[in-house]
């Protein structure tokens, strides 16, 4: 599945329109699909393709948001691998990256301080500007971290899956969410409130230290990954 973003293109002349049509036909011959983002902003190209393609062709899907188009493409890929997503099973909390190094007793004390929460597909887990008072342990599903752009659209920053966590600012007083997190498919998270972490830290400093170490390691990995992605994008 190919996604071509035309939303930032000022004009598509007839030769370029013909090239897009040939690309679509070449992909179709190879059992692949093409969707064009922002096609509605190019009425001349739209009329040209409508005359050449059937009305239900994916190239004419009318998607105007790149993130939505990428989700559409991801869904097509997942559909090709069977009805059950690979991360459908819930990850045991003891195998989560944020619980690494905890012994059985420590894991039991941590679990007693957590709340289990379920999120339906396409629902918001947190919103930008909300108090950042919880740490999230993702154990099932996939979630997108989104931010708003200057033109008012949402841009995906990263994807979270089972074994990952988010919400590190919950350790800071008066911290707020700086991005939106949305469930891409049905998801399950365990959450730790700041007040419960403070009690854990007072009652079991060793447990709190292990959790903080895992948080620091997780943050370092995310920072490294985002830095590499930024470098690749600027090449």
Foldseek 3Di string as FASTA:
>chain_A
DEEAECQPPPAQDPVNLVVVVVVQVVQVVVVHAYAYAPVVVYVVSLVVVPVVDPPPGRNNVHHHAPVVVVLVVVVVVQVVVPDDGPQADFAPPCQALLNPPPDPVLVVLVLVQKDKDKDAAFAWPFAFFAFLFKKKQWGGAKKFWWDADPVGGIDTQDMDGHRAIDRVCSLPPRDTHHTIIGGNHITMIIMHGNVSLVVCCVVPVVSSVSSVVSVVVRVVVVVVVSVVVVVVVVD
